[in-house]
């Protein structure tokens, strides 16, 4: 269950509610302090799950609640510290449901990431995550997001997207290993293809 009140957002799990955001004053102009790791620990506690399972649960709940209400998603994101942005992406399948542990994606090395970035103008980042901000006319943003969503569905891997004042920012990371993997490079390439198809985009 998810509750959204004047100054409290809770993510519920069987066995209890977990407070995700608390703003004592109800002032949405100031983001409350908090860490994503603390939230995931609280979500995992009732069922004795792992932080990764807690992230999957939280992403599933948030994505379903905000799927048909963009304004609600914007309100929630504005209340949360930036690191909570990962809660607003579709969850990747849990590793035990998708592959054996030995088949887990391989994180890219410190040498591989710079090499990959040189081949992908506009992208920046490190072994933890890669991002690209695309400047785009407002009337083309939704078309780009639709193209990227279609590509993400085909890959079974989704980016974190954040609309900016003049376009959209994409961040890619394989959350099951908390690192950049070859799958993220594939997704970055598909995002680049979508930007070219939509036209008018430029990296900032």
N, C-alpha and C. Protein backbone atom coordinates (compact mmCIF):
# COMPACT_ATOMS: atom_id res chain seq x y z
N UNK A 1 0.84 -1.19 0.00
CA UNK A 1 0.00 0.00 0.00
C UNK A 1 0.87 1.23 0.00
N UNK A 2 0.41 2.27 -0.71
CA UNK A 2 1.10 3.55 -0.68
C UNK A 2 0.13 4.61 -0.24
N UNK A 3 0.52 5.41 0.74
CA UNK A 3 -0.31 6.52 1.18
C UNK A 3 0.41 7.82 0.89
N UNK A 4 -0.33 8.81 0.37
CA UNK A 4 0.23 10.12 0.13
C UNK A 4 -0.61 11.12 0.88
N UNK A 5 -0.05 11.74 1.89
CA UNK A 5 -0.77 12.72 2.69
C UNK A 5 -0.12 14.07 2.52
N UNK A 6 -0.56 15.04 3.33
CA UNK A 6 -0.03 16.40 3.24
C UNK A 6 1.48 16.43 3.38
N UNK A 7 1.99 15.64 4.32
CA UNK A 7 3.43 15.70 4.53
C UNK A 7 4.06 14.34 4.78
N UNK A 8 3.37 13.24 4.40
CA UNK A 8 3.91 11.91 4.62
C UNK A 8 3.64 11.05 3.40
N UNK A 9 4.63 10.29 2.96
CA UNK A 9 4.46 9.28 1.93
C UNK A 9 4.92 7.97 2.53
N UNK A 10 4.10 6.93 2.48
CA UNK A 10 4.50 5.64 3.04
C UNK A 10 4.43 4.57 1.97
N UNK A 11 5.38 3.67 2.00
CA UNK A 11 5.36 2.49 1.15
C UNK A 11 5.09 1.31 2.05
N UNK A 12 3.99 0.59 1.82
CA UNK A 12 3.61 -0.47 2.72
C UNK A 12 3.99 -1.84 2.22
N UNK A 13 4.20 -2.74 3.14
CA UNK A 13 4.51 -4.13 2.84
C UNK A 13 3.78 -4.98 3.87
N UNK A 14 3.48 -6.22 3.51
CA UNK A 14 2.84 -7.11 4.47
C UNK A 14 3.64 -7.12 5.76
N UNK A 15 2.95 -6.82 6.82
CA UNK A 15 3.64 -6.79 8.09
C UNK A 15 3.84 -5.38 8.62
N UNK A 16 3.49 -4.37 7.81
CA UNK A 16 3.64 -3.02 8.33
C UNK A 16 3.86 -1.99 7.26
N UNK A 17 3.83 -0.72 7.66
CA UNK A 17 4.07 0.40 6.76
C UNK A 17 5.48 0.92 6.99
N UNK A 18 6.08 1.39 5.93
CA UNK A 18 7.41 1.95 6.01
C UNK A 18 7.35 3.40 5.58
N UNK A 19 7.85 4.29 6.40
CA UNK A 19 7.84 5.71 6.05
C UNK A 19 8.94 5.99 5.05
N UNK A 20 8.54 6.49 3.86
CA UNK A 20 9.51 6.80 2.81
C UNK A 20 9.91 8.26 2.86
N UNK A 21 8.94 9.14 3.15
CA UNK A 21 9.22 10.57 3.20
C UNK A 21 8.46 11.17 4.36
N UNK A 22 9.11 11.97 5.15
CA UNK A 22 8.43 12.69 6.21
C UNK A 22 8.87 14.13 6.16
N UNK A 23 7.91 15.05 6.05
CA UNK A 23 8.21 16.47 6.09
C UNK A 23 7.32 17.09 7.14
N UNK A 24 7.88 17.37 8.27
CA UNK A 24 7.08 17.81 9.40
C UNK A 24 6.31 19.08 9.14
N UNK A 25 6.87 19.98 8.30
CA UNK A 25 6.20 21.25 8.07
C UNK A 25 5.22 21.20 6.94
N UNK A 26 5.30 20.13 6.10
CA UNK A 26 4.42 20.06 4.94
C UNK A 26 4.88 20.99 3.85
N UNK A 27 6.06 21.60 3.97
CA UNK A 27 6.58 22.53 2.98
C UNK A 27 7.27 21.75 1.89
N UNK A 28 6.70 21.74 0.69
CA UNK A 28 7.28 20.98 -0.40
C UNK A 28 8.44 21.72 -1.05
N UNK A 29 8.75 22.91 -0.58
CA UNK A 29 9.86 23.65 -1.14
C UNK A 29 11.20 23.16 -0.62
N UNK A 30 11.21 22.34 0.43
CA UNK A 30 12.45 21.85 1.02
C UNK A 30 12.39 20.34 1.12
N UNK A 31 13.36 19.67 0.51
CA UNK A 31 13.38 18.22 0.53
C UNK A 31 13.86 17.70 1.88
N UNK A 32 13.18 16.68 2.42
CA UNK A 32 13.60 16.14 3.71
C UNK A 32 14.91 15.37 3.58
N UNK A 33 15.61 15.29 4.70
CA UNK A 33 16.85 14.51 4.70
C UNK A 33 16.51 13.03 4.76
N UNK A 34 17.39 12.20 4.24
CA UNK A 34 17.16 10.78 4.29
C UNK A 34 18.04 10.07 3.28
N UNK A 35 18.23 8.77 3.48
CA UNK A 35 19.06 7.98 2.58
C UNK A 35 18.25 6.83 2.03
N UNK A 36 18.46 6.55 0.73
CA UNK A 36 17.75 5.45 0.10
C UNK A 36 18.07 4.14 0.79
N UNK A 37 19.31 3.96 1.20
CA UNK A 37 19.69 2.71 1.86
C UNK A 37 18.91 2.49 3.15
N UNK A 38 18.61 3.59 3.88
CA UNK A 38 17.84 3.46 5.11
C UNK A 38 16.42 3.02 4.81
N UNK A 39 15.84 3.60 3.76
CA UNK A 39 14.48 3.21 3.36
C UNK A 39 14.42 1.75 2.97
N UNK A 40 15.39 1.30 2.15
CA UNK A 40 15.38 -0.09 1.69
C UNK A 40 15.57 -1.06 2.85
N UNK A 41 16.36 -0.66 3.83
CA UNK A 41 16.55 -1.51 5.01
C UNK A 41 15.23 -1.68 5.76
N UNK A 42 14.45 -0.60 5.85
CA UNK A 42 13.16 -0.67 6.55
C UNK A 42 12.15 -1.50 5.76
N UNK A 43 12.17 -1.36 4.43
CA UNK A 43 11.25 -2.14 3.59
C UNK A 43 11.58 -3.62 3.69
N UNK A 44 12.87 -3.96 3.74
CA UNK A 44 13.30 -5.36 3.76
C UNK A 44 13.06 -6.02 5.12
N UNK A 45 13.03 -5.23 6.18
CA UNK A 45 13.01 -5.77 7.54
C UNK A 45 11.83 -6.71 7.84
N UNK A 46 10.56 -6.35 7.50
CA UNK A 46 9.44 -7.21 7.89
C UNK A 46 9.52 -8.63 7.33
N UNK A 47 10.02 -8.77 6.09
CA UNK A 47 10.07 -10.09 5.47
C UNK A 47 11.46 -10.70 5.51
N UNK A 48 12.42 -9.99 6.11
CA UNK A 48 13.78 -10.50 6.17
C UNK A 48 14.42 -10.57 4.80
N UNK A 49 14.05 -9.65 3.91
CA UNK A 49 14.59 -9.66 2.55
C UNK A 49 15.90 -8.91 2.44
N UNK A 50 16.46 -8.92 1.24
CA UNK A 50 17.70 -8.21 0.96
C UNK A 50 17.37 -6.80 0.48
N UNK A 51 18.36 -5.88 0.50
CA UNK A 51 18.13 -4.53 -0.04
C UNK A 51 17.70 -4.56 -1.51
N UNK A 52 18.26 -5.50 -2.27
CA UNK A 52 17.88 -5.60 -3.69
C UNK A 52 16.41 -5.99 -3.83
N UNK A 53 15.95 -6.93 -3.00
CA UNK A 53 14.54 -7.31 -3.03
C UNK A 53 13.65 -6.16 -2.58
N UNK A 54 14.14 -5.40 -1.61
CA UNK A 54 13.39 -4.23 -1.13
C UNK A 54 13.28 -3.19 -2.22
N UNK A 55 14.36 -2.97 -3.00
CA UNK A 55 14.32 -2.02 -4.10
C UNK A 55 13.30 -2.47 -5.14
N UNK A 56 13.29 -3.76 -5.44
CA UNK A 56 12.33 -4.30 -6.40
C UNK A 56 10.90 -4.04 -5.93
N UNK A 57 10.65 -4.29 -4.65
CA UNK A 57 9.31 -4.07 -4.09
C UNK A 57 8.93 -2.60 -4.15
N UNK A 58 9.83 -1.72 -3.72
CA UNK A 58 9.53 -0.29 -3.70
C UNK A 58 9.30 0.24 -5.11
N UNK A 59 10.13 -0.18 -6.07
CA UNK A 59 9.95 0.26 -7.45
C UNK A 59 8.62 -0.23 -8.03
N UNK A 60 8.27 -1.47 -7.69
CA UNK A 60 7.01 -2.03 -8.20
C UNK A 60 5.82 -1.24 -7.66
N UNK A 61 5.83 -0.96 -6.36
CA UNK A 61 4.72 -0.22 -5.75
C UNK A 61 4.61 1.19 -6.32
N UNK A 62 5.74 1.90 -6.37
CA UNK A 62 5.73 3.28 -6.85
C UNK A 62 5.33 3.35 -8.32
N UNK A 63 5.85 2.44 -9.15
CA UNK A 63 5.55 2.50 -10.57
C UNK A 63 4.07 2.22 -10.83
N UNK A 64 3.47 1.33 -10.05
CA UNK A 64 2.05 1.04 -10.25
C UNK A 64 1.17 2.18 -9.79
N UNK A 65 1.55 2.80 -8.69
CA UNK A 65 0.74 3.90 -8.15
C UNK A 65 0.80 5.13 -9.05
N UNK A 66 1.97 5.37 -9.65
CA UNK A 66 2.14 6.60 -10.44
C UNK A 66 1.94 6.38 -11.94
N UNK A 67 1.65 5.13 -12.36
CA UNK A 67 1.57 4.82 -13.78
C UNK A 67 0.58 5.71 -14.53
N UNK A 68 -0.55 5.99 -13.93
CA UNK A 68 -1.59 6.76 -14.60
C UNK A 68 -1.73 8.17 -14.04
N UNK A 69 -0.75 8.60 -13.29
CA UNK A 69 -0.84 9.93 -12.68
C UNK A 69 0.54 10.59 -12.68
N UNK A 70 0.86 11.27 -13.79
CA UNK A 70 2.17 11.90 -13.94
C UNK A 70 2.38 12.98 -12.89
N UNK A 71 1.29 13.71 -12.55
CA UNK A 71 1.43 14.78 -11.57
C UNK A 71 1.78 14.24 -10.20
N UNK A 72 1.24 13.06 -9.84
CA UNK A 72 1.58 12.44 -8.56
C UNK A 72 3.05 12.08 -8.54
N UNK A 73 3.56 11.51 -9.64
CA UNK A 73 4.96 11.15 -9.70
C UNK A 73 5.83 12.39 -9.55
N UNK A 74 5.45 13.49 -10.20
CA UNK A 74 6.23 14.73 -10.09
C UNK A 74 6.21 15.25 -8.66
N UNK A 75 5.05 15.18 -8.00
CA UNK A 75 4.94 15.64 -6.62
C UNK A 75 5.84 14.82 -5.69
N UNK A 76 5.80 13.50 -5.87
CA UNK A 76 6.61 12.64 -5.02
C UNK A 76 8.10 12.88 -5.23
N UNK A 77 8.50 13.02 -6.48
CA UNK A 77 9.92 13.23 -6.78
C UNK A 77 10.40 14.56 -6.22
N UNK A 78 9.53 15.56 -6.25
CA UNK A 78 9.94 16.87 -5.74
C UNK A 78 10.14 16.85 -4.23
N UNK A 79 9.51 15.89 -3.55
CA UNK A 79 9.62 15.79 -2.09
C UNK A 79 10.83 14.98 -1.65
N UNK A 80 11.39 14.21 -2.58
CA UNK A 80 12.44 13.26 -2.21
C UNK A 80 13.83 13.75 -2.57
N UNK A 81 14.84 13.37 -1.80
CA UNK A 81 16.23 13.66 -2.19
C UNK A 81 16.53 13.02 -3.55
N UNK A 82 17.52 13.56 -4.26
CA UNK A 82 17.80 13.11 -5.63
C UNK A 82 18.09 11.62 -5.72
N UNK A 83 18.75 11.04 -4.69
CA UNK A 83 19.12 9.63 -4.79
C UNK A 83 17.92 8.70 -4.81
N UNK A 84 16.73 9.21 -4.45
CA UNK A 84 15.53 8.39 -4.47
C UNK A 84 14.94 8.28 -5.86
N UNK A 85 15.56 8.94 -6.84
CA UNK A 85 15.03 8.91 -8.21
C UNK A 85 14.91 7.51 -8.77
N UNK A 86 15.77 6.57 -8.32
CA UNK A 86 15.72 5.20 -8.83
C UNK A 86 14.39 4.50 -8.50
N UNK A 87 13.67 5.01 -7.50
CA UNK A 87 12.38 4.40 -7.16
C UNK A 87 11.35 4.61 -8.25
N UNK A 88 11.58 5.58 -9.14
CA UNK A 88 10.59 5.93 -10.14
C UNK A 88 10.88 5.29 -11.49
N UNK A 89 11.64 4.21 -11.51
CA UNK A 89 11.88 3.45 -12.72
C UNK A 89 11.25 2.07 -12.58
N UNK A 90 10.93 1.45 -13.73
CA UNK A 90 10.37 0.10 -13.70
C UNK A 90 11.42 -0.85 -13.13
N UNK A 91 11.04 -1.74 -12.24
CA UNK A 91 12.02 -2.65 -11.64
C UNK A 91 12.53 -3.67 -12.64
N UNK A 92 13.84 -3.94 -12.57
CA UNK A 92 14.40 -5.05 -13.32
C UNK A 92 13.96 -6.34 -12.64
N UNK A 93 13.89 -7.46 -13.41
CA UNK A 93 13.56 -8.74 -12.76
C UNK A 93 14.58 -9.06 -11.69
N UNK A 94 14.10 -9.67 -10.60
CA UNK A 94 15.03 -10.10 -9.56
C UNK A 94 15.94 -11.19 -10.13
N UNK A 95 17.22 -11.21 -9.76
CA UNK A 95 18.16 -12.17 -10.33
C UNK A 95 17.69 -13.62 -10.25
N UNK A 96 17.08 -14.00 -9.12
CA UNK A 96 16.68 -15.40 -8.99
C UNK A 96 15.53 -15.77 -9.91
N UNK A 97 14.85 -14.75 -10.47
CA UNK A 97 13.75 -15.03 -11.39
C UNK A 97 14.20 -14.96 -12.84
N UNK A 98 15.40 -14.46 -13.10
CA UNK A 98 15.83 -14.26 -14.47
C UNK A 98 17.00 -15.15 -14.87
N UNK A 99 17.92 -15.44 -13.94
CA UNK A 99 19.09 -16.22 -14.29
C UNK A 99 19.78 -16.72 -13.03
N UNK A 100 20.69 -17.64 -13.23
CA UNK A 100 21.50 -18.10 -12.10
C UNK A 100 22.49 -17.03 -11.72
N UNK A 101 22.98 -17.12 -10.49
CA UNK A 101 23.93 -16.11 -10.02
C UNK A 101 25.16 -16.04 -10.91
N UNK A 102 25.57 -17.21 -11.47
CA UNK A 102 26.76 -17.24 -12.32
C UNK A 102 26.53 -16.53 -13.64
N UNK A 103 25.27 -16.27 -13.98
CA UNK A 103 24.94 -15.59 -15.23
C UNK A 103 24.66 -14.11 -15.02
N UNK A 104 24.97 -13.60 -13.84
CA UNK A 104 24.72 -12.19 -13.54
C UNK A 104 25.53 -11.31 -14.49
N UNK A 105 24.99 -10.13 -14.85
CA UNK A 105 25.71 -9.23 -15.75
C UNK A 105 27.09 -8.89 -15.19
N UNK A 106 28.03 -8.74 -16.08
CA UNK A 106 29.40 -8.44 -15.68
C UNK A 106 29.63 -6.94 -15.63
N UNK A 107 29.99 -6.37 -14.48
CA UNK A 107 30.30 -4.94 -14.42
C UNK A 107 31.50 -4.60 -15.31
N UNK A 108 31.45 -3.44 -15.95
CA UNK A 108 32.58 -3.00 -16.76
C UNK A 108 33.72 -2.54 -15.85
N UNK A 109 34.93 -2.70 -16.33
CA UNK A 109 36.11 -2.34 -15.55
C UNK A 109 36.38 -0.85 -15.65
N UNK A 110 37.33 -0.38 -14.83
CA UNK A 110 37.73 1.03 -14.85
C UNK A 110 38.29 1.43 -16.21
N UNK A 111 38.86 0.49 -16.94
CA UNK A 111 39.42 0.79 -18.26
C UNK A 111 38.34 0.74 -19.34
N UNK A 112 37.37 -0.13 -19.17
CA UNK A 112 36.35 -0.31 -20.21
C UNK A 112 35.38 0.86 -20.29
N UNK A 113 35.05 1.45 -19.14
CA UNK A 113 34.07 2.53 -19.14
C UNK A 113 34.55 3.75 -19.93
N UNK A 114 35.78 4.26 -19.70
CA UNK A 114 36.25 5.39 -20.51
C UNK A 114 36.27 5.08 -22.01
N UNK A 115 36.64 3.85 -22.35
CA UNK A 115 36.66 3.46 -23.76
C UNK A 115 35.26 3.49 -24.35
N UNK A 116 34.29 3.03 -23.57
CA UNK A 116 32.90 3.03 -24.03
C UNK A 116 32.38 4.46 -24.18
N UNK A 117 32.77 5.34 -23.27
CA UNK A 117 32.32 6.73 -23.34
C UNK A 117 32.90 7.45 -24.55
N UNK A 118 34.13 7.12 -24.92
CA UNK A 118 34.73 7.75 -26.10
C UNK A 118 33.96 7.40 -27.36
N UNK A 119 33.30 6.27 -27.36
CA UNK A 119 32.52 5.84 -28.52
C UNK A 119 31.08 6.36 -28.47
N UNK A 120 30.74 7.05 -27.39
CA UNK A 120 29.36 7.52 -27.21
C UNK A 120 29.35 8.99 -26.79
N UNK A 121 29.54 9.89 -27.74
CA UNK A 121 29.54 11.32 -27.43
C UNK A 121 28.25 11.74 -26.73
N UNK A 122 28.39 12.59 -25.74
CA UNK A 122 27.22 13.06 -25.00
C UNK A 122 26.99 12.31 -23.71
N UNK A 123 27.58 11.13 -23.58
CA UNK A 123 27.43 10.34 -22.36
C UNK A 123 28.59 10.62 -21.40
N UNK A 124 28.28 10.67 -20.13
CA UNK A 124 29.30 10.84 -19.10
C UNK A 124 29.03 9.83 -17.98
N UNK A 125 30.02 9.65 -17.10
CA UNK A 125 29.79 8.76 -15.97
C UNK A 125 31.03 7.99 -15.58
N UNK A 126 30.80 6.91 -14.84
CA UNK A 126 31.88 6.08 -14.35
C UNK A 126 31.39 4.64 -14.28
N UNK A 127 32.06 3.80 -13.52
CA UNK A 127 31.66 2.40 -13.45
C UNK A 127 30.33 2.21 -12.73
N UNK A 128 29.88 3.24 -12.02
CA UNK A 128 28.63 3.14 -11.26
C UNK A 128 27.40 3.39 -12.14
N UNK A 129 27.44 4.43 -12.99
CA UNK A 129 26.31 4.74 -13.85
C UNK A 129 26.77 5.68 -14.97
N UNK A 130 25.99 5.70 -16.06
CA UNK A 130 26.24 6.60 -17.18
C UNK A 130 25.00 7.46 -17.38
N UNK A 131 25.20 8.68 -17.86
CA UNK A 131 24.05 9.56 -18.08
C UNK A 131 24.28 10.42 -19.31
N UNK A 132 23.16 10.84 -19.88
CA UNK A 132 23.18 11.77 -21.00
C UNK A 132 21.99 12.70 -20.87
N UNK A 133 22.23 13.99 -21.02
CA UNK A 133 21.16 14.98 -21.02
C UNK A 133 20.95 15.47 -22.44
N UNK A 134 19.72 15.37 -22.92
CA UNK A 134 19.39 15.74 -24.29
C UNK A 134 18.52 16.98 -24.30
N UNK A 135 18.98 18.04 -24.98
CA UNK A 135 18.18 19.24 -25.14
C UNK A 135 17.24 19.02 -26.32
N UNK A 136 15.96 19.25 -26.08
CA UNK A 136 14.96 18.90 -27.08
C UNK A 136 13.75 19.82 -26.95
N UNK A 137 13.15 20.23 -28.06
CA UNK A 137 11.92 21.03 -27.97
C UNK A 137 10.85 20.28 -27.18
N UNK A 138 10.06 21.02 -26.45
CA UNK A 138 9.05 20.41 -25.57
C UNK A 138 8.13 19.46 -26.32
N UNK A 139 7.77 19.83 -27.55
CA UNK A 139 6.81 19.01 -28.29
C UNK A 139 7.39 17.68 -28.77
N UNK A 140 8.71 17.48 -28.59
CA UNK A 140 9.32 16.23 -29.02
C UNK A 140 9.73 15.33 -27.85
N UNK A 141 9.62 15.86 -26.65
CA UNK A 141 10.06 15.09 -25.48
C UNK A 141 9.27 13.81 -25.32
N UNK A 142 7.95 13.88 -25.39
CA UNK A 142 7.12 12.69 -25.19
C UNK A 142 7.38 11.65 -26.28
N UNK A 143 7.61 12.13 -27.51
CA UNK A 143 7.91 11.20 -28.60
C UNK A 143 9.21 10.46 -28.31
N UNK A 144 10.21 11.19 -27.81
CA UNK A 144 11.48 10.55 -27.46
C UNK A 144 11.29 9.53 -26.35
N UNK A 145 10.54 9.90 -25.32
CA UNK A 145 10.32 8.97 -24.20
C UNK A 145 9.60 7.72 -24.66
N UNK A 146 8.67 7.87 -25.60
CA UNK A 146 7.96 6.70 -26.13
C UNK A 146 8.90 5.78 -26.89
N UNK A 147 9.79 6.38 -27.69
CA UNK A 147 10.76 5.59 -28.44
C UNK A 147 11.70 4.84 -27.48
N UNK A 148 12.15 5.53 -26.45
CA UNK A 148 13.07 4.90 -25.48
C UNK A 148 12.35 3.80 -24.70
N UNK A 149 11.11 4.03 -24.35
CA UNK A 149 10.35 3.01 -23.62
C UNK A 149 10.20 1.75 -24.46
N UNK A 150 9.96 1.93 -25.76
CA UNK A 150 9.83 0.77 -26.65
C UNK A 150 11.14 0.00 -26.72
N UNK A 151 12.25 0.72 -26.83
CA UNK A 151 13.56 0.06 -26.86
C UNK A 151 13.85 -0.65 -25.55
N UNK A 152 13.49 -0.01 -24.44
CA UNK A 152 13.73 -0.61 -23.12
C UNK A 152 12.92 -1.90 -22.96
N UNK A 153 11.70 -1.90 -23.47
CA UNK A 153 10.87 -3.11 -23.40
C UNK A 153 11.52 -4.25 -24.19
N UNK A 154 12.10 -3.92 -25.34
CA UNK A 154 12.74 -4.95 -26.16
C UNK A 154 13.97 -5.53 -25.47
N UNK A 155 14.70 -4.66 -24.77
CA UNK A 155 15.91 -5.12 -24.07
C UNK A 155 15.61 -5.73 -22.70
N UNK A 156 14.43 -5.42 -22.16
CA UNK A 156 14.12 -5.86 -20.80
C UNK A 156 14.95 -5.13 -19.77
N UNK A 157 15.29 -3.88 -20.07
CA UNK A 157 16.18 -3.09 -19.20
C UNK A 157 15.81 -1.63 -19.37
N UNK A 158 15.57 -0.91 -18.26
CA UNK A 158 15.05 0.45 -18.34
C UNK A 158 16.02 1.47 -17.77
N UNK A 159 16.03 2.67 -18.38
CA UNK A 159 16.84 3.75 -17.82
C UNK A 159 16.05 4.53 -16.80
N UNK A 160 16.75 5.31 -16.00
CA UNK A 160 16.11 6.32 -15.18
C UNK A 160 15.97 7.56 -16.05
N UNK A 161 14.78 8.10 -16.15
CA UNK A 161 14.54 9.29 -16.96
C UNK A 161 14.08 10.44 -16.07
N UNK A 162 14.58 11.61 -16.37
CA UNK A 162 14.21 12.81 -15.61
C UNK A 162 14.08 13.97 -16.58
N UNK A 163 12.89 14.54 -16.66
CA UNK A 163 12.69 15.67 -17.54
C UNK A 163 13.33 16.92 -16.94
N UNK A 164 14.02 17.67 -17.80
CA UNK A 164 14.68 18.89 -17.37
C UNK A 164 13.93 20.08 -17.96
N UNK A 165 14.45 21.27 -17.75
CA UNK A 165 13.77 22.44 -18.26
C UNK A 165 13.75 22.52 -19.76
N UNK A 166 14.75 21.90 -20.42
CA UNK A 166 14.81 21.99 -21.88
C UNK A 166 15.02 20.64 -22.54
N UNK A 167 14.61 19.58 -21.89
CA UNK A 167 14.77 18.27 -22.50
C UNK A 167 14.60 17.15 -21.50
N UNK A 168 15.48 16.16 -21.57
CA UNK A 168 15.37 15.00 -20.69
C UNK A 168 16.76 14.42 -20.42
N UNK A 169 16.92 13.89 -19.21
CA UNK A 169 18.18 13.28 -18.80
C UNK A 169 17.96 11.77 -18.63
N UNK A 170 18.84 10.99 -19.23
CA UNK A 170 18.78 9.53 -19.12
C UNK A 170 19.96 9.03 -18.30
N UNK A 171 19.70 8.11 -17.39
CA UNK A 171 20.75 7.48 -16.60
C UNK A 171 20.59 5.97 -16.72
N UNK A 172 21.69 5.28 -17.01
CA UNK A 172 21.64 3.82 -17.15
C UNK A 172 22.54 3.17 -16.12
N UNK A 173 22.04 2.09 -15.54
CA UNK A 173 22.77 1.32 -14.55
C UNK A 173 22.07 -0.04 -14.41
N UNK A 174 22.84 -1.09 -14.24
CA UNK A 174 22.27 -2.40 -13.95
C UNK A 174 22.14 -2.50 -12.44
N UNK A 175 20.93 -2.34 -11.95
CA UNK A 175 20.74 -2.20 -10.51
C UNK A 175 21.03 -3.48 -9.74
N UNK A 176 20.92 -4.64 -10.40
CA UNK A 176 21.18 -5.89 -9.69
C UNK A 176 22.63 -6.00 -9.23
N UNK A 177 23.53 -5.29 -9.92
CA UNK A 177 24.94 -5.31 -9.53
C UNK A 177 25.44 -3.91 -9.17
N UNK A 178 24.53 -2.91 -9.22
CA UNK A 178 24.88 -1.54 -8.87
C UNK A 178 26.11 -1.05 -9.65
N UNK A 179 26.10 -1.33 -10.96
CA UNK A 179 27.24 -0.96 -11.79
C UNK A 179 26.82 -0.89 -13.24
N UNK A 180 27.73 -0.39 -14.07
CA UNK A 180 27.49 -0.34 -15.52
C UNK A 180 27.94 -1.66 -16.12
N UNK A 181 27.09 -2.26 -16.95
CA UNK A 181 27.38 -3.53 -17.60
C UNK A 181 27.18 -3.37 -19.11
N UNK A 182 27.56 -4.38 -19.91
CA UNK A 182 27.32 -4.31 -21.36
C UNK A 182 25.85 -4.04 -21.71
N UNK A 183 24.94 -4.49 -20.87
CA UNK A 183 23.53 -4.24 -21.13
C UNK A 183 23.23 -2.74 -21.11
N UNK A 184 23.91 -2.01 -20.24
CA UNK A 184 23.71 -0.56 -20.17
C UNK A 184 24.24 0.13 -21.43
N UNK A 185 25.33 -0.40 -21.97
CA UNK A 185 25.86 0.16 -23.22
C UNK A 185 24.87 -0.06 -24.36
N UNK A 186 24.26 -1.24 -24.38
CA UNK A 186 23.24 -1.51 -25.40
C UNK A 186 22.08 -0.53 -25.26
N UNK A 187 21.67 -0.30 -24.02
CA UNK A 187 20.56 0.63 -23.79
C UNK A 187 20.95 2.04 -24.17
N UNK A 188 22.18 2.45 -23.85
CA UNK A 188 22.65 3.79 -24.24
C UNK A 188 22.62 3.95 -25.76
N UNK A 189 23.04 2.92 -26.47
CA UNK A 189 23.03 2.97 -27.93
C UNK A 189 21.60 3.10 -28.46
N UNK A 190 20.69 2.39 -27.84
CA UNK A 190 19.29 2.47 -28.28
C UNK A 190 18.70 3.85 -27.99
N UNK A 191 19.11 4.44 -26.87
CA UNK A 191 18.67 5.81 -26.55
C UNK A 191 19.21 6.78 -27.60
N UNK A 192 20.48 6.61 -27.98
CA UNK A 192 21.07 7.46 -29.02
C UNK A 192 20.31 7.31 -30.34
N UNK A 193 19.94 6.08 -30.67
CA UNK A 193 19.17 5.84 -31.89
C UNK A 193 17.83 6.57 -31.84
N UNK A 194 17.20 6.52 -30.66
CA UNK A 194 15.91 7.18 -30.50
C UNK A 194 16.05 8.70 -30.65
N UNK A 195 17.13 9.26 -30.08
CA UNK A 195 17.36 10.70 -30.19
C UNK A 195 17.53 11.09 -31.66
N UNK A 196 18.28 10.29 -32.41
CA UNK A 196 18.49 10.57 -33.82
C UNK A 196 17.18 10.44 -34.61
N UNK A 197 16.35 9.46 -34.24
CA UNK A 197 15.08 9.27 -34.94
C UNK A 197 14.11 10.42 -34.69
N UNK A 198 14.11 10.92 -33.46
CA UNK A 198 13.23 12.03 -33.12
C UNK A 198 13.73 13.33 -33.76
N UNK A 199 15.06 13.48 -33.76
CA UNK A 199 15.67 14.67 -34.37
C UNK A 199 15.64 15.88 -33.48
N UNK A 200 16.57 16.77 -33.68
CA UNK A 200 16.56 18.04 -32.95
C UNK A 200 17.21 17.95 -31.58
N UNK A 201 17.73 16.78 -31.20
CA UNK A 201 18.33 16.64 -29.88
C UNK A 201 19.81 16.96 -29.91
N UNK A 202 20.30 17.50 -28.82
CA UNK A 202 21.73 17.76 -28.69
C UNK A 202 22.13 17.50 -27.25
N UNK A 203 23.35 17.00 -27.05
CA UNK A 203 23.84 16.71 -25.71
C UNK A 203 24.23 18.01 -25.04
N UNK A 204 23.94 18.10 -23.73
CA UNK A 204 24.33 19.27 -22.97
C UNK A 204 25.22 18.87 -21.82
